[in-house]
C-alpha atoms as a PDB file:
ATOM      1  CA  MET A   1      62.761 177.500   2.721  1.00  0.00           C
ATOM      2  CA  PHE A   2      59.807 175.609   1.276  1.00  0.00           C
ATOM      3  CA  LEU A   3      59.392 178.412  -1.277  1.00  0.00           C
ATOM      4  CA  PHE A   4      63.023 177.882  -2.312  1.00  0.00           C
ATOM      5  CA  PHE A   5      62.452 174.181  -3.000  1.00  0.00           C
ATOM      6  CA  ALA A   6      59.162 174.949  -4.766  1.00  0.00           C
ATOM      7  CA  THR A   7      61.018 177.145  -7.285  1.00  0.00           C
ATOM      8  CA  LEU A   8      63.317 174.315  -8.378  1.00  0.00           C
ATOM      9  CA  PRO A   9      62.422 172.685 -11.723  1.00  0.00           C
ATOM     10  CA  MET A  10      60.846 169.237 -11.632  1.00  0.00           C
ATOM     11  CA  HIS A  11      63.739 167.580 -13.470  1.00  0.00           C
ATOM     12  CA  VAL A  12      65.787 167.781 -10.245  1.00  0.00           C
ATOM     13  CA  LEU A  13      63.940 164.609  -9.189  1.00  0.00           C
ATOM     14  CA  ASP A  14      65.145 162.672 -12.227  1.00  0.00           C
ATOM     15  CA  ASP A  15      67.393 159.690 -11.453  1.00  0.00           C
ATOM     16  CA  ALA A  16      70.572 161.582 -12.391  1.00  0.00           C
ATOM     17  CA  LYS A  17      69.765 164.621 -10.228  1.00  0.00           C
ATOM     18  CA  ARG A  18      67.960 163.005  -7.292  1.00  0.00           C
ATOM     19  CA  PRO A  19      71.048 162.355  -5.105  1.00  0.00           C
ATOM     20  CA  LEU A  20      72.179 165.963  -5.543  1.00  0.00           C
ATOM     21  CA  PHE A  21      68.668 167.140  -4.616  1.00  0.00           C
ATOM     22  CA  PHE A  22      68.791 165.088  -1.404  1.00  0.00           C
ATOM     23  CA  LEU A  23      72.241 166.493  -0.685  1.00  0.00           C
ATOM     24  CA  LEU A  24      70.821 170.027  -0.974  1.00  0.00           C
ATOM     25  CA  VAL A  25      67.850 169.119   1.245  1.00  0.00           C
ATOM     26  CA  GLY A  26      70.161 167.684   3.895  1.00  0.00           C
ATOM     27  CA  PHE A  27      72.413 170.726   3.666  1.00  0.00           C
ATOM     28  CA  ILE A  28      69.685 173.360   4.062  1.00  0.00           C
ATOM     29  CA  LEU A  29      67.618 171.527   6.707  1.00  0.00           C
ATOM     30  CA  THR A  30      70.678 170.781   8.842  1.00  0.00           C
ATOM     31  CA  PHE A  31      71.954 174.355   8.598  1.00  0.00           C
ATOM     32  CA  VAL A  32      68.542 175.730   9.629  1.00  0.00           C
ATOM     33  CA  LEU A  33      68.334 173.297  12.547  1.00  0.00           C
ATOM     34  CA  ALA A  34      71.920 173.999  13.654  1.00  0.00           C
ATOM     35  CA  ARG A  35      71.427 177.776  13.634  1.00  0.00           C
ATOM     36  CA  LEU A  36      68.062 177.504  15.369  1.00  0.00           C
ATOM     37  CA  ASN A  37      69.633 175.286  18.028  1.00  0.00           C
ATOM     38  CA  THR A  38      72.566 177.629  18.680  1.00  0.00           C
ATOM     39  CA  ARG A  39      70.299 180.691  18.792  1.00  0.00           C
ATOM     40  CA  VAL A  40      67.993 179.027  21.310  1.00  0.00           C
ATOM     41  CA  THR A  41      71.055 177.941  23.292  1.00  0.00           C
ATOM     42  CA  ARG A  42      72.298 181.533  23.338  1.00  0.00           C
ATOM     43  CA  ALA A  43      68.915 182.817  24.518  1.00  0.00           C
ATOM     44  CA  ARG A  44      67.974 180.111  27.036  1.00  0.00           C
ATOM     45  CA  GLY A  45      71.177 178.294  27.902  1.00  0.00           C
ATOM     46  CA  ALA A  46      69.899 175.005  26.450  1.00  0.00           C
ATOM     47  CA  GLY A  47      69.296 174.075  22.830  1.00  0.00           C
ATOM     48  CA  LEU A  48      66.280 172.486  21.178  1.00  0.00           C
ATOM     49  CA  VAL A  49      68.324 169.394  20.310  1.00  0.00           C
ATOM     50  CA  VAL A  50      71.411 169.595  22.506  1.00  0.00           C
ATOM     51  CA  GLY A  51      73.410 172.370  24.075  1.00  0.00           C
ATOM     52  CA  SER A  52      77.155 172.770  23.878  1.00  0.00           C
ATOM     53  CA  ILE A  53      78.959 169.441  24.266  1.00  0.00           C
ATOM     54  CA  VAL A  54      81.735 169.738  26.815  1.00  0.00           C
ATOM     55  CA  THR A  55      83.685 166.706  27.983  1.00  0.00           C
ATOM     56  CA  ALA A  56      84.666 166.014  31.596  1.00  0.00           C
ATOM     57  CA  GLY A  57      88.089 167.475  30.844  1.00  0.00           C
ATOM     58  CA  GLY A  58      86.589 170.736  29.632  1.00  0.00           C
ATOM     59  CA  LEU A  59      87.004 170.013  25.912  1.00  0.00           C
ATOM     60  CA  HIS A  60      84.349 171.820  23.872  1.00  0.00           C
ATOM     61  CA  ILE A  61      83.322 169.645  20.930  1.00  0.00           C
ATOM     62  CA  HIS A  62      81.993 171.845  18.131  1.00  0.00           C
ATOM     63  CA  HIS A  63      79.383 170.513  15.715  1.00  0.00           C
ATOM     64  CA  SER A  64      81.812 170.927  12.797  1.00  0.00           C
ATOM     65  CA  VAL A  65      83.612 167.871  14.220  1.00  0.00           C
ATOM     66  CA  PHE A  66      80.511 165.759  13.622  1.00  0.00           C
ATOM     67  CA  GLY A  67      80.128 167.341  10.184  1.00  0.00           C
ATOM     68  CA  ILE A  68      83.665 166.406   9.139  1.00  0.00           C
ATOM     69  CA  ILE A  69      83.222 162.865  10.433  1.00  0.00           C
ATOM     70  CA  GLY A  70      79.897 162.560   8.593  1.00  0.00           C
ATOM     71  CA  MET A  71      81.358 163.740   5.290  1.00  0.00           C
ATOM     72  CA  ILE A  72      84.334 161.374   5.585  1.00  0.00           C
ATOM     73  CA  VAL A  73      82.227 158.329   6.515  1.00  0.00           C
ATOM     74  CA  PHE A  74      79.471 158.752   3.933  1.00  0.00           C
ATOM     75  CA  GLY A  75      81.857 159.969   1.237  1.00  0.00           C
ATOM     76  CA  ILE A  76      83.974 156.830   1.642  1.00  0.00           C
ATOM     77  CA  LEU A  77      80.881 154.605   1.729  1.00  0.00           C
ATOM     78  CA  GLU A  78      79.646 156.135  -1.538  1.00  0.00           C
ATOM     79  CA  PHE A  79      82.958 155.477  -3.312  1.00  0.00           C
ATOM     80  CA  ALA A  80      83.350 152.014  -1.786  1.00  0.00           C
ATOM     81  CA  LEU A  81      79.842 150.646  -2.285  1.00  0.00           C
ATOM     82  CA  HIS A  82      78.405 152.588  -5.254  1.00  0.00           C
ATOM     83  CA  PRO A  83      74.937 151.907  -3.832  1.00  0.00           C
ATOM     84  CA  GLY A  84      71.736 152.178  -5.791  1.00  0.00           C
ATOM     85  CA  SER A  85      68.499 153.831  -4.738  1.00  0.00           C
ATOM     86  CA  PRO A  86      67.472 154.476  -1.980  1.00  0.00           C
ATOM     87  CA  TRP A  87      70.879 154.193  -0.324  1.00  0.00           C
ATOM     88  CA  VAL A  88      72.578 156.681  -2.605  1.00  0.00           C
ATOM     89  CA  GLU A  89      69.933 159.284  -1.694  1.00  0.00           C
ATOM     90  CA  LEU A  90      70.367 158.551   2.029  1.00  0.00           C
ATOM     91  CA  PHE A  91      74.144 158.842   1.723  1.00  0.00           C
ATOM     92  CA  ALA A  92      73.716 162.144  -0.122  1.00  0.00           C
ATOM     93  CA  LEU A  93      71.329 163.412   2.567  1.00  0.00           C
ATOM     94  CA  ALA A  94      73.845 162.534   5.287  1.00  0.00           C
ATOM     95  CA  PHE A  95      76.752 164.031   3.339  1.00  0.00           C
ATOM     96  CA  GLY A  96      74.818 167.274   2.864  1.00  0.00           C
ATOM     97  CA  ALA A  97      74.070 167.371   6.594  1.00  0.00           C
ATOM     98  CA  GLY A  98      77.765 166.922   7.374  1.00  0.00           C
ATOM     99  CA  ALA A  99      78.724 169.684   4.928  1.00  0.00           C
ATOM    100  CA  ALA A 100      76.224 172.048   6.569  1.00  0.00           C
ATOM    101  CA  LEU A 101      77.558 171.353  10.074  1.00  0.00           C
ATOM    102  CA  THR A 102      81.090 171.966   8.838  1.00  0.00           C
ATOM    103  CA  LEU A 103      80.405 175.175   6.923  1.00  0.00           C
ATOM    104  CA  ASP A 104      78.248 176.522   9.753  1.00  0.00           C
ATOM    105  CA  GLU A 105      81.527 176.746  11.692  1.00  0.00           C
ATOM    106  CA  PHE A 106      83.739 177.600   8.737  1.00  0.00           C
ATOM    107  CA  ALA A 107      84.795 180.862  10.424  1.00  0.00           C
ATOM    108  CA  LEU A 108      86.105 178.916  13.430  1.00  0.00           C
ATOM    109  CA  ILE A 109      88.239 176.737  11.170  1.00  0.00           C
ATOM    110  CA  LEU A 110      89.456 179.780   9.219  1.00  0.00           C
ATOM    111  CA  HIS A 111      90.417 181.845  12.280  1.00  0.00           C
ATOM    112  CA  LEU A 112      91.328 178.895  14.549  1.00  0.00           C
ATOM    113  CA  GLU A 113      89.254 180.609  17.264  1.00  0.00           C
ATOM    114  CA  ASP A 114      85.677 180.367  18.460  1.00  0.00           C
ATOM    115  CA  VAL A 115      84.365 183.398  16.576  1.00  0.00           C
ATOM    116  CA  TYR A 116      80.849 181.981  16.112  1.00  0.00           C
ATOM    117  CA  TRP A 117      79.058 184.951  17.706  1.00  0.00           C
ATOM    118  CA  THR A 118      81.507 187.659  16.644  1.00  0.00           C
ATOM    119  CA  GLY A 119      81.540 189.748  13.474  1.00  0.00           C
ATOM    120  CA  GLU A 120      84.127 187.408  11.986  1.00  0.00           C
ATOM    121  CA  GLY A 121      81.617 184.571  12.422  1.00  0.00           C
ATOM    122  CA  ARG A 122      79.592 185.950   9.521  1.00  0.00           C
ATOM    123  CA  THR A 123      82.188 184.320   7.267  1.00  0.00           C
ATOM    124  CA  SER A 124      80.378 181.057   7.980  1.00  0.00           C
ATOM    125  CA  ILE A 125      77.194 182.488   6.452  1.00  0.00           C
ATOM    126  CA  ASP A 126      79.218 183.523   3.389  1.00  0.00           C
ATOM    127  CA  ALA A 127      80.463 179.930   3.073  1.00  0.00           C
ATOM    128  CA  VAL A 128      76.958 178.478   3.445  1.00  0.00           C
ATOM    129  CA  ILE A 129      75.504 180.844   0.840  1.00  0.00           C
ATOM    130  CA  LEU A 130      78.295 179.936  -1.592  1.00  0.00           C
ATOM    131  CA  GLY A 131      77.682 176.247  -0.929  1.00  0.00           C
ATOM    132  CA  VAL A 132      73.943 176.510  -1.572  1.00  0.00           C
ATOM    133  CA  THR A 133      74.599 178.576  -4.714  1.00  0.00           C
ATOM    134  CA  PHE A 134      77.077 176.035  -6.095  1.00  0.00           C
ATOM    135  CA  ILE A 135      74.788 173.045  -5.453  1.00  0.00           C
ATOM    136  CA  THR A 136      71.728 174.841  -6.823  1.00  0.00           C
ATOM    137  CA  LEU A 137      73.496 175.823 -10.054  1.00  0.00           C
ATOM    138  CA  LEU A 138      74.518 172.197 -10.591  1.00  0.00           C
ATOM    139  CA  LEU A 139      71.034 170.970  -9.711  1.00  0.00           C
ATOM    140  CA  THR A 140      69.186 173.296 -12.064  1.00  0.00           C
ATOM    141  CA  GLY A 141      71.090 172.027 -15.073  1.00  0.00           C
ATOM    142  CA  LEU A 142      73.866 174.577 -15.488  1.00  0.00           C
ATOM    143  CA  THR A 143      77.267 173.022 -16.065  1.00  0.00           C
ATOM    144  CA  PRO A 144      80.645 174.706 -16.178  1.00  0.00           C
ATOM    145  CA  ARG A 145      81.213 175.884 -19.728  1.00  0.00           C
ATOM    146  CA  SER A 146      84.613 174.261 -19.920  1.00  0.00           C
ATOM    147  CA  ILE A 147      83.110 170.859 -19.062  1.00  0.00           C
ATOM    148  CA  GLY A 148      80.524 171.209 -21.805  1.00  0.00           C
ATOM    149  CA  GLU A 149      83.250 172.078 -24.271  1.00  0.00           C
ATOM    150  CA  VAL A 150      85.206 168.905 -23.583  1.00  0.00           C
ATOM    151  CA  GLY A 151      82.811 166.993 -25.813  1.00  0.00           C
ATOM    152  CA  ASP A 152      83.668 169.306 -28.706  1.00  0.00           C
ATOM    153  CA  LEU A 153      87.415 168.761 -28.487  1.00  0.00           C
ATOM    154  CA  ALA A 154      87.279 166.205 -31.281  1.00  0.00           C
ATOM    155  CA  ALA A 155      86.108 168.924 -33.651  1.00  0.00           C
ATOM    156  CA  MET A 156      88.877 171.394 -32.805  1.00  0.00           C
ATOM    157  CA  SER A 157      92.565 171.554 -32.081  1.00  0.00           C
ATOM    158  CA  ARG A 158      93.552 170.002 -28.777  1.00  0.00           C
ATOM    159  CA  TRP A 159      95.495 173.167 -27.998  1.00  0.00           C
ATOM    160  CA  VAL A 160      92.488 175.386 -28.656  1.00  0.00           C
ATOM    161  CA  GLY A 161      90.282 173.247 -26.442  1.00  0.00           C
ATOM    162  CA  SER A 162      92.853 173.218 -23.653  1.00  0.00           C
ATOM    163  CA  ALA A 163      93.238 176.994 -23.906  1.00  0.00           C
ATOM    164  CA  LEU A 164      89.465 177.476 -23.529  1.00  0.00           C
ATOM    165  CA  ILE A 165      89.345 175.304 -20.425  1.00  0.00           C
ATOM    166  CA  LEU A 166      92.407 176.894 -18.812  1.00  0.00           C
ATOM    167  CA  SER A 167      91.256 180.440 -19.562  1.00  0.00           C
ATOM    168  CA  GLY A 168      87.924 179.828 -17.891  1.00  0.00           C
ATOM    169  CA  ALA A 169      89.644 178.361 -14.834  1.00  0.00           C
ATOM    170  CA  ALA A 170      92.124 181.258 -14.743  1.00  0.00           C
ATOM    171  CA  PHE A 171      89.380 183.898 -14.565  1.00  0.00           C
ATOM    172  CA  VAL A 172      87.685 182.003 -11.732  1.00  0.00           C
ATOM    173  CA  ILE A 173      90.949 181.698  -9.780  1.00  0.00           C
ATOM    174  CA  VAL A 174      91.763 185.386 -10.233  1.00  0.00           C
ATOM    175  CA  SER A 175      88.260 186.319  -9.031  1.00  0.00           C
ATOM    176  CA  TYR A 176      88.834 184.256  -5.899  1.00  0.00           C
ATOM    177  CA  LEU A 177      92.271 185.816  -5.322  1.00  0.00           C
ATOM    178  CA  LYS A 178      90.720 189.276  -5.671  1.00  0.00           C
ATOM    179  CA  GLY A 179      88.260 188.452  -2.895  1.00  0.00           C
ATOM    180  CA  LYS A 180      85.238 188.120  -5.200  1.00  0.00           C
ATOM    181  CA  LEU A 181      84.118 184.685  -4.036  1.00  0.00           C
ATOM    182  CA  PHE A 182      80.508 184.883  -5.169  1.00  0.00           C
ATOM    183  CA  MET A 183      81.421 186.133  -8.666  1.00  0.00           C
ATOM    184  CA  GLY A 184      84.063 183.416  -8.970  1.00  0.00           C
ATOM    185  CA  THR A 185      81.614 180.690  -7.967  1.00  0.00           C
ATOM    186  CA  VAL A 186      78.895 181.853 -10.362  1.00  0.00           C
ATOM    187  CA  GLY A 187      81.603 182.338 -13.009  1.00  0.00           C
ATOM    188  CA  ILE A 188      82.299 178.597 -12.988  1.00  0.00           C
ATOM    189  CA  PHE A 189      78.906 178.221 -14.669  1.00  0.00           C
ATOM    190  CA  VAL A 190      78.554 181.628 -16.348  1.00  0.00           C
ATOM    191  CA  PRO A 191      82.076 182.566 -17.565  1.00  0.00           C
ATOM    192  CA  PRO A 192      81.389 186.289 -18.256  1.00  0.00           C
ATOM    193  CA  VAL A 193      80.728 186.790 -14.539  1.00  0.00           C
ATOM    194  CA  ALA A 194      84.199 185.441 -13.707  1.00  0.00           C
ATOM    195  CA  VAL A 195      85.735 187.649 -16.410  1.00  0.00           C
ATOM    196  CA  ILE A 196      84.135 190.747 -14.845  1.00  0.00           C
ATOM    197  CA  GLY A 197      85.321 189.704 -11.385  1.00  0.00           C
ATOM    198  CA  ALA A 198      88.861 189.111 -12.656  1.00  0.00           C
ATOM    199  CA  LEU A 199      89.112 192.446 -14.481  1.00  0.00           C
ATOM    200  CA  ARG A 200      87.733 194.663 -11.729  1.00  0.00           C
ATOM    201  CA  LEU A 201      89.854 196.043  -8.889  1.00  0.00           C
ATOM    202  CA  ALA A 202      90.543 193.593  -6.079  1.00  0.00           C
ATOM    203  CA  LYS A 203      89.175 194.029  -2.585  1.00  0.00           C
ATOM    204  CA  PRO A 204      91.839 195.794  -0.500  1.00  0.00           C
ATOM    205  CA  SER A 205      92.025 192.925   2.017  1.00  0.00           C
ATOM    206  CA  SER A 206      92.387 190.217  -0.647  1.00  0.00           C
ATOM    207  CA  PRO A 207      95.582 188.218  -1.369  1.00  0.00           C
ATOM    208  CA  TRP A 208      95.730 189.831  -4.826  1.00  0.00           C
ATOM    209  CA  ALA A 209      95.782 193.345  -3.345  1.00  0.00           C
ATOM    210  CA  HIS A 210      98.435 192.409  -0.787  1.00  0.00           C
ATOM    211  CA  ARG A 211     100.728 191.072  -3.495  1.00  0.00           C
ATOM    212  CA  ARG A 212      99.963 193.223  -6.523  1.00  0.00           C
ATOM    213  CA  TYR A 213      99.023 196.601  -5.047  1.00  0.00           C
ATOM    214  CA  ALA A 214     101.733 196.801  -2.365  1.00  0.00           C
ATOM    215  CA  GLY A 215     103.995 198.802  -4.701  1.00  0.00           C
ATOM    216  CA  ASN A 216     101.168 200.831  -6.223  1.00  0.00           C
ATOM    217  CA  PRO A 217      99.624 203.089  -3.530  1.00  0.00           C
ATOM    218  CA  GLY A 218      97.380 204.786  -6.083  1.00  0.00           C
ATOM    219  CA  LYS A 219      95.713 201.553  -7.150  1.00  0.00           C
ATOM    220  CA  LEU A 220      95.397 200.394  -3.539  1.00  0.00           C
ATOM    221  CA  GLU A 221      93.703 203.671  -2.613  1.00  0.00           C
ATOM    222  CA  ARG A 222      91.292 203.320  -5.550  1.00  0.00           C
ATOM    223  CA  ALA A 223      90.487 199.782  -4.378  1.00  0.00           C
ATOM    224  CA  ARG A 224      89.814 201.092  -0.874  1.00  0.00           C
ATOM    225  CA  ARG A 225      87.539 203.862  -2.136  1.00  0.00           C
ATOM    226  CA  ARG A 226      85.576 201.411  -4.268  1.00  0.00           C
ATOM    227  CA  ASP A 227      85.257 199.015  -1.347  1.00  0.00           C
ATOM    228  CA  GLU A 228      84.089 201.833   0.922  1.00  0.00           C
ATOM    229  CA  GLY A 229      81.510 202.817  -1.695  1.00  0.00           C
ATOM    230  CA  PHE A 230      80.285 199.224  -1.782  1.00  0.00           C
ATOM    231  CA  ASN A 231      80.093 199.219   2.014  1.00  0.00           C
ATOM    232  CA  ARG A 232      77.933 202.329   2.034  1.00  0.00           C
ATOM    233  CA  ARG A 233      75.563 201.021  -0.620  1.00  0.00           C
ATOM    234  CA  TRP A 234      75.277 197.313   0.035  1.00  0.00           C
ATOM    235  CA  ARG A 235      77.176 195.889   2.997  1.00  0.00           C
ATOM    236  CA  GLN A 236      74.858 197.076   5.738  1.00  0.00           C
ATOM    237  CA  GLY A 237      71.924 195.496   3.925  1.00  0.00           C
ATOM    238  CA  LYS A 238      73.907 192.304   3.435  1.00  0.00           C
ATOM    239  CA  LEU A 239      74.924 192.181   7.114  1.00  0.00           C
ATOM    240  CA  TYR A 240      71.309 192.721   8.161  1.00  0.00           C
ATOM    241  CA  LEU A 241      70.222 189.775   5.987  1.00  0.00           C
ATOM    242  CA  TRP A 242      73.102 187.624   7.275  1.00  0.00           C
ATOM    243  CA  ASP A 243      72.057 188.446  10.865  1.00  0.00           C
ATOM    244  CA  VAL A 244      68.470 187.443  10.090  1.00  0.00           C
ATOM    245  CA  ILE A 245      69.753 184.116   8.759  1.00  0.00           C
ATOM    246  CA  GLY A 246      72.417 183.358  11.347  1.00  0.00           C
ATOM    247  CA  GLY A 247      71.746 185.571  14.357  1.00  0.00           C
ATOM    248  CA  LYS A 248      73.298 188.913  15.286  1.00  0.00           C
ATOM    249  CA  PRO A 249      76.865 188.763  16.655  1.00  0.00           C
ATOM    250  CA  HIS A 250      77.154 189.946  20.267  1.00  0.00           C
ATOM    251  CA  LEU A 251      80.709 189.071  21.296  1.00  0.00           C
ATOM    252  CA  HIS A 252      84.134 190.550  20.634  1.00  0.00           C
ATOM    253  CA  LEU A 253      87.408 188.677  21.026  1.00  0.00           C
ATOM    254  CA  PRO A 254      89.579 190.076  23.853  1.00  0.00           C
ATOM    255  CA  HIS A 255      92.642 190.640  21.670  1.00  0.00           C
ATOM    256  CA  ARG A 256      90.487 192.699  19.281  1.00  0.00           C
ATOM    257  CA  ARG A 257      88.940 194.762  22.058  1.00  0.00           C
ATOM    258  CA  GLY A 258      89.236 198.489  21.513  1.00  0.00           C
ATOM    259  CA  ARG A 259      89.112 198.168  17.725  1.00  0.00           C
ATOM    260  CA  HIS A 260      86.312 198.067  15.202  1.00  0.00           C
ATOM    261  CA  ASP A 261      86.280 194.907  13.181  1.00  0.00           C
ATOM    262  CA  ASP A 262      85.909 195.027   9.419  1.00  0.00           C
ATOM    263  CA  HIS A 263      82.241 194.032   9.633  1.00  0.00           C
ATOM    264  CA  GLY A 264      81.166 197.237  11.322  1.00  0.00           C
ATOM    265  CA  ASN A 265      80.824 195.809  14.839  1.00  0.00           C
ATOM    266  CA  HIS A 266      81.890 197.656  17.950  1.00  0.00           C
ATOM    267  CA  PRO A 267      83.637 195.935  20.828  1.00  0.00           C
ATOM    268  CA  GLY A 268      81.140 194.185  23.020  1.00  0.00           C
ATOM    269  CA  GLY A 269      80.938 192.283  26.232  1.00  0.00           C
ATOM    270  CA  GLY A 270      80.631 188.612  26.897  1.00  0.00           C
ATOM    271  CA  SER A 271      83.196 185.919  27.153  1.00  0.00           C
ATOM    272  CA  PRO A 272      84.836 184.817  23.889  1.00  0.00           C
ATOM    273  CA  GLY A 273      83.707 181.548  22.427  1.00  0.00           C
ATOM    274  CA  SER A 274      80.484 181.417  24.429  1.00  0.00           C
ATOM    275  CA  ARG A 275      77.485 180.057  22.526  1.00  0.00           C
ATOM    276  CA  ILE A 276      74.975 181.378  25.084  1.00  0.00           C
END
């Protein structure tokens, strides 16, 4: 983690970039602490900071609740007060911490189930990696190409400028719809990446494949073969890295018992939703 921050250019501490830098620091430190806490809780039954919060009525309060509250409170304070230094950096630090707590349980929000320690829970790591990538690209000085082109609109037709902006956004959206989230995110800043993601076959489980390939079995089969080839070459390595970062899943939801999930996990024991 310290090596990651050491590789950032020094201009990230300039006045214009400093709040975003503190946001990234809050995001990464909070995510590391949250995952460390939940992994210790799973191993020992009690976390380093606090274990699972359960009310007297049996309500399990997930840490994404505190993350959402933190983002709302400090986001509103930033817009309402427009504070100067050092408050703007502190607000950014707190907002980044709230974003990390929320995205650490992104899979729970997506599935509306406690899938934290199941294969589906790795979606949270995907969301965190995308978040760090997006913030880092902004912090290191890259800006979306379409934003940079807005300043040149005076020198060209308004229609040409609008077409450039919309085309860049369209390729990013198509990449997302095809299930290529990382390529779409990087493509916001490096448009050719989004173009490649938009032109390649969609992932078979993506919204694009469900809508566009339903009447074309040949194309759907080609998408499946390509996805299987990707799985053989890269996914196992990716899942290993994700497990190093977030902890290896060890649970399987009861209604999925008897089936393999799409992350390569086999049904396992343990009660669903347990963090320990």
